[in-house]
Amino acid sequence: MSAQPESAAIAIARAHVEAWSNHDFDTARGMLAPDVHITATSSNPALPHTDLTGADNYMEGLTAYAQPVVPGSVKVPARSARAQPHPAPGCT
């Protein structure tokens, strides 16, 4: 199987995570459209549901979220593998 080139969307998303996780909030902000719409949920009930529009609103929350992250501690894989189908349990 040959390696597929990374899409532009994946490259931008990866660069965005690299920026905010290193507390480079100006770079992270610069990657967003002014009218970006963010919806984020978690299975952790302690985390808030987020549904907002606007880069400034998003960056306010992201900056607060990222403050406890130690710069350089987030590892973004160089390449993500596409999901491969797995047989149902008990089937091989």
N, C-alpha and C. Protein backbone atom coordinates (compact mmCIF):
# COMPACT_ATOMS: atom_id res chain seq x y z
N MET A 1 0.85 -1.18 0.00
CA MET A 1 0.00 0.00 0.00
C MET A 1 0.89 1.23 0.00
N SER A 2 0.68 2.15 -0.92
CA SER A 2 1.50 3.36 -0.99
C SER A 2 0.96 4.41 -0.04
N ALA A 3 1.86 5.27 0.42
CA ALA A 3 1.47 6.35 1.33
C ALA A 3 0.69 7.41 0.57
N GLN A 4 -0.40 7.86 1.17
CA GLN A 4 -1.21 8.93 0.58
C GLN A 4 -0.66 10.27 1.04
N PRO A 5 -0.62 11.27 0.16
CA PRO A 5 -0.17 12.59 0.60
C PRO A 5 -1.16 13.18 1.60
N GLU A 6 -0.64 13.97 2.51
CA GLU A 6 -1.48 14.59 3.52
C GLU A 6 -2.33 15.69 2.90
N SER A 7 -3.60 15.76 3.28
CA SER A 7 -4.48 16.80 2.75
C SER A 7 -4.11 18.14 3.37
N ALA A 8 -4.49 19.21 2.69
CA ALA A 8 -4.24 20.55 3.20
C ALA A 8 -4.96 20.77 4.53
N ALA A 9 -6.17 20.23 4.66
CA ALA A 9 -6.94 20.40 5.90
C ALA A 9 -6.22 19.75 7.08
N ILE A 10 -5.66 18.56 6.87
CA ILE A 10 -4.93 17.88 7.94
C ILE A 10 -3.68 18.66 8.30
N ALA A 11 -2.98 19.17 7.31
CA ALA A 11 -1.76 19.94 7.57
C ALA A 11 -2.07 21.20 8.38
N ILE A 12 -3.17 21.87 8.04
CA ILE A 12 -3.56 23.08 8.77
C ILE A 12 -3.96 22.74 10.20
N ALA A 13 -4.75 21.68 10.36
CA ALA A 13 -5.17 21.27 11.70
C ALA A 13 -3.97 20.91 12.56
N ARG A 14 -3.03 20.19 11.99
CA ARG A 14 -1.83 19.80 12.73
C ARG A 14 -1.02 21.04 13.12
N ALA A 15 -0.86 21.97 12.20
CA ALA A 15 -0.11 23.21 12.49
C ALA A 15 -0.81 24.03 13.57
N HIS A 16 -2.15 24.04 13.55
CA HIS A 16 -2.92 24.78 14.56
C HIS A 16 -2.67 24.19 15.95
N VAL A 17 -2.71 22.87 16.07
CA VAL A 17 -2.46 22.22 17.36
C VAL A 17 -1.02 22.50 17.81
N GLU A 18 -0.08 22.41 16.90
CA GLU A 18 1.32 22.70 17.24
C GLU A 18 1.45 24.12 17.77
N ALA A 19 0.75 25.07 17.15
CA ALA A 19 0.86 26.47 17.57
C ALA A 19 0.28 26.68 18.96
N TRP A 20 -0.99 26.30 19.17
CA TRP A 20 -1.58 26.60 20.48
C TRP A 20 -0.94 25.81 21.59
N SER A 21 -0.51 24.57 21.30
CA SER A 21 0.08 23.76 22.36
C SER A 21 1.47 24.26 22.75
N ASN A 22 2.04 25.11 21.93
CA ASN A 22 3.30 25.78 22.26
C ASN A 22 3.08 27.22 22.70
N HIS A 23 1.83 27.54 22.99
CA HIS A 23 1.40 28.88 23.44
C HIS A 23 1.71 29.96 22.43
N ASP A 24 1.74 29.62 21.16
CA ASP A 24 1.90 30.59 20.08
C ASP A 24 0.49 30.94 19.60
N PHE A 25 -0.21 31.71 20.42
CA PHE A 25 -1.62 31.98 20.17
C PHE A 25 -1.84 32.91 18.98
N ASP A 26 -0.87 33.77 18.67
CA ASP A 26 -1.01 34.63 17.50
C ASP A 26 -1.02 33.80 16.22
N THR A 27 -0.13 32.81 16.15
CA THR A 27 -0.11 31.93 14.97
C THR A 27 -1.39 31.11 14.90
N ALA A 28 -1.81 30.57 16.04
CA ALA A 28 -3.05 29.77 16.06
C ALA A 28 -4.22 30.63 15.61
N ARG A 29 -4.30 31.85 16.07
CA ARG A 29 -5.39 32.77 15.71
C ARG A 29 -5.35 33.09 14.22
N GLY A 30 -4.15 33.25 13.68
CA GLY A 30 -3.99 33.59 12.27
C GLY A 30 -4.44 32.50 11.32
N MET A 31 -4.59 31.29 11.81
CA MET A 31 -5.02 30.17 10.96
C MET A 31 -6.54 30.06 10.87
N LEU A 32 -7.25 30.89 11.60
CA LEU A 32 -8.70 30.79 11.66
C LEU A 32 -9.39 31.83 10.79
N ALA A 33 -10.49 31.43 10.19
CA ALA A 33 -11.35 32.39 9.50
C ALA A 33 -12.05 33.24 10.56
N PRO A 34 -12.30 34.51 10.28
CA PRO A 34 -12.96 35.37 11.28
C PRO A 34 -14.29 34.81 11.77
N ASP A 35 -15.00 34.11 10.89
CA ASP A 35 -16.32 33.60 11.25
C ASP A 35 -16.31 32.09 11.51
N VAL A 36 -15.18 31.55 11.95
CA VAL A 36 -15.08 30.12 12.23
C VAL A 36 -16.18 29.71 13.21
N HIS A 37 -16.73 28.53 12.98
CA HIS A 37 -17.77 27.99 13.88
C HIS A 37 -17.18 26.74 14.53
N ILE A 38 -17.18 26.74 15.85
CA ILE A 38 -16.60 25.65 16.61
C ILE A 38 -17.68 24.93 17.40
N THR A 39 -17.74 23.62 17.27
CA THR A 39 -18.58 22.78 18.11
C THR A 39 -17.67 21.72 18.69
N ALA A 40 -17.62 21.66 20.02
CA ALA A 40 -16.77 20.67 20.68
C ALA A 40 -17.54 20.04 21.83
N THR A 41 -17.47 18.73 21.90
CA THR A 41 -18.11 18.00 22.98
C THR A 41 -17.11 16.99 23.55
N SER A 42 -17.43 16.48 24.70
CA SER A 42 -16.59 15.48 25.33
C SER A 42 -17.46 14.48 26.07
N SER A 43 -16.96 13.29 26.21
CA SER A 43 -17.66 12.30 27.04
C SER A 43 -17.43 12.57 28.52
N ASN A 44 -16.52 13.49 28.82
CA ASN A 44 -16.25 13.88 30.20
C ASN A 44 -17.27 14.95 30.61
N PRO A 45 -18.18 14.63 31.52
CA PRO A 45 -19.22 15.60 31.89
C PRO A 45 -18.68 16.85 32.57
N ALA A 46 -17.44 16.83 33.03
CA ALA A 46 -16.86 18.01 33.67
C ALA A 46 -16.45 19.07 32.64
N LEU A 47 -16.31 18.66 31.40
CA LEU A 47 -15.92 19.60 30.36
C LEU A 47 -17.17 20.22 29.72
N PRO A 48 -17.12 21.51 29.44
CA PRO A 48 -18.30 22.17 28.87
C PRO A 48 -18.49 21.82 27.40
N HIS A 49 -19.74 21.87 26.97
CA HIS A 49 -20.08 21.77 25.56
C HIS A 49 -19.79 23.15 24.95
N THR A 50 -19.14 23.19 23.82
CA THR A 50 -18.79 24.45 23.18
C THR A 50 -19.47 24.51 21.82
N ASP A 51 -20.16 25.59 21.57
CA ASP A 51 -20.78 25.85 20.27
C ASP A 51 -20.78 27.36 20.09
N LEU A 52 -19.80 27.85 19.34
CA LEU A 52 -19.66 29.30 19.20
C LEU A 52 -19.17 29.66 17.81
N THR A 53 -19.31 30.92 17.49
CA THR A 53 -18.87 31.43 16.19
C THR A 53 -17.96 32.62 16.43
N GLY A 54 -16.89 32.66 15.67
CA GLY A 54 -15.96 33.78 15.72
C GLY A 54 -14.60 33.39 16.28
N ALA A 55 -13.56 33.84 15.59
CA ALA A 55 -12.20 33.49 16.00
C ALA A 55 -11.86 34.06 17.37
N ASP A 56 -12.32 35.27 17.67
CA ASP A 56 -12.00 35.86 18.97
C ASP A 56 -12.63 35.06 20.10
N ASN A 57 -13.89 34.66 19.94
CA ASN A 57 -14.56 33.85 20.96
C ASN A 57 -13.84 32.52 21.15
N TYR A 58 -13.48 31.89 20.05
CA TYR A 58 -12.78 30.61 20.12
C TYR A 58 -11.43 30.76 20.81
N MET A 59 -10.67 31.78 20.44
CA MET A 59 -9.34 31.95 21.01
C MET A 59 -9.40 32.27 22.49
N GLU A 60 -10.44 32.95 22.94
CA GLU A 60 -10.58 33.22 24.37
C GLU A 60 -10.65 31.91 25.15
N GLY A 61 -11.49 31.00 24.69
CA GLY A 61 -11.61 29.71 25.35
C GLY A 61 -10.38 28.84 25.16
N LEU A 62 -9.82 28.84 23.95
CA LEU A 62 -8.64 28.01 23.68
C LEU A 62 -7.45 28.46 24.51
N THR A 63 -7.27 29.75 24.65
CA THR A 63 -6.16 30.26 25.44
C THR A 63 -6.28 29.81 26.90
N ALA A 64 -7.48 29.90 27.45
CA ALA A 64 -7.70 29.44 28.82
C ALA A 64 -7.46 27.94 28.93
N TYR A 65 -7.95 27.17 27.95
CA TYR A 65 -7.78 25.72 27.95
C TYR A 65 -6.30 25.34 27.87
N ALA A 66 -5.54 26.07 27.06
CA ALA A 66 -4.16 25.70 26.77
C ALA A 66 -3.16 26.16 27.84
N GLN A 67 -3.54 27.07 28.72
CA GLN A 67 -2.59 27.59 29.70
C GLN A 67 -1.89 26.50 30.50
N PRO A 68 -2.60 25.48 30.99
CA PRO A 68 -1.90 24.46 31.78
C PRO A 68 -1.07 23.48 30.93
N VAL A 69 -1.20 23.54 29.62
CA VAL A 69 -0.43 22.65 28.75
C VAL A 69 1.02 23.12 28.74
N VAL A 70 1.93 22.21 29.04
CA VAL A 70 3.35 22.54 29.02
C VAL A 70 3.79 22.65 27.56
N PRO A 71 4.31 23.83 27.16
CA PRO A 71 4.74 23.97 25.77
C PRO A 71 5.70 22.86 25.36
N GLY A 72 5.42 22.29 24.21
CA GLY A 72 6.25 21.21 23.68
C GLY A 72 5.84 19.82 24.14
N SER A 73 4.84 19.74 25.04
CA SER A 73 4.46 18.44 25.57
C SER A 73 3.43 17.70 24.71
N VAL A 74 2.73 18.42 23.84
CA VAL A 74 1.74 17.78 22.98
C VAL A 74 2.47 17.22 21.77
N LYS A 75 2.27 15.96 21.52
CA LYS A 75 2.91 15.29 20.39
C LYS A 75 1.86 15.03 19.32
N VAL A 76 2.05 15.60 18.17
CA VAL A 76 1.16 15.39 17.04
C VAL A 76 1.85 14.41 16.10
N PRO A 77 1.23 13.27 15.83
CA PRO A 77 1.86 12.29 14.94
C PRO A 77 2.22 12.91 13.60
N ALA A 78 3.33 12.50 13.06
CA ALA A 78 3.77 13.02 11.77
C ALA A 78 2.76 12.68 10.68
N ARG A 79 2.10 11.58 10.86
CA ARG A 79 1.12 11.15 9.88
C ARG A 79 0.11 10.26 10.58
N SER A 80 -1.13 10.46 10.29
CA SER A 80 -2.15 9.60 10.88
C SER A 80 -2.52 8.52 9.87
N ALA A 81 -2.70 7.34 10.37
CA ALA A 81 -3.08 6.22 9.50
C ALA A 81 -4.58 6.25 9.28
N ARG A 82 -4.97 5.91 8.10
CA ARG A 82 -6.41 5.78 7.84
C ARG A 82 -6.91 4.52 8.53
N ALA A 83 -8.11 4.60 9.03
CA ALA A 83 -8.68 3.46 9.73
C ALA A 83 -8.80 2.28 8.78
N GLN A 84 -8.42 1.14 9.26
CA GLN A 84 -8.53 -0.08 8.48
C GLN A 84 -9.67 -0.91 9.06
N PRO A 85 -10.47 -1.55 8.20
CA PRO A 85 -11.56 -2.37 8.73
C PRO A 85 -10.99 -3.53 9.53
N HIS A 86 -11.64 -3.83 10.63
CA HIS A 86 -11.25 -4.96 11.46
C HIS A 86 -12.40 -5.94 11.46
N PRO A 87 -12.08 -7.24 11.48
CA PRO A 87 -13.17 -8.23 11.53
C PRO A 87 -13.91 -8.13 12.85
N ALA A 88 -15.15 -8.52 12.84
CA ALA A 88 -15.95 -8.55 14.06
C ALA A 88 -15.32 -9.52 15.05
N PRO A 89 -15.50 -9.27 16.37
CA PRO A 89 -14.91 -10.18 17.35
C PRO A 89 -15.33 -11.63 17.05
N GLY A 90 -14.35 -12.51 17.13
CA GLY A 90 -14.61 -13.92 16.89
C GLY A 90 -14.54 -14.32 15.42
N CYS A 91 -14.42 -13.35 14.52
CA CYS A 91 -14.32 -13.63 13.09
C CYS A 91 -12.91 -13.31 12.61
N THR A 92 -12.28 -14.24 11.96
CA THR A 92 -10.96 -13.98 11.43
C THR A 92 -10.86 -14.41 10.00
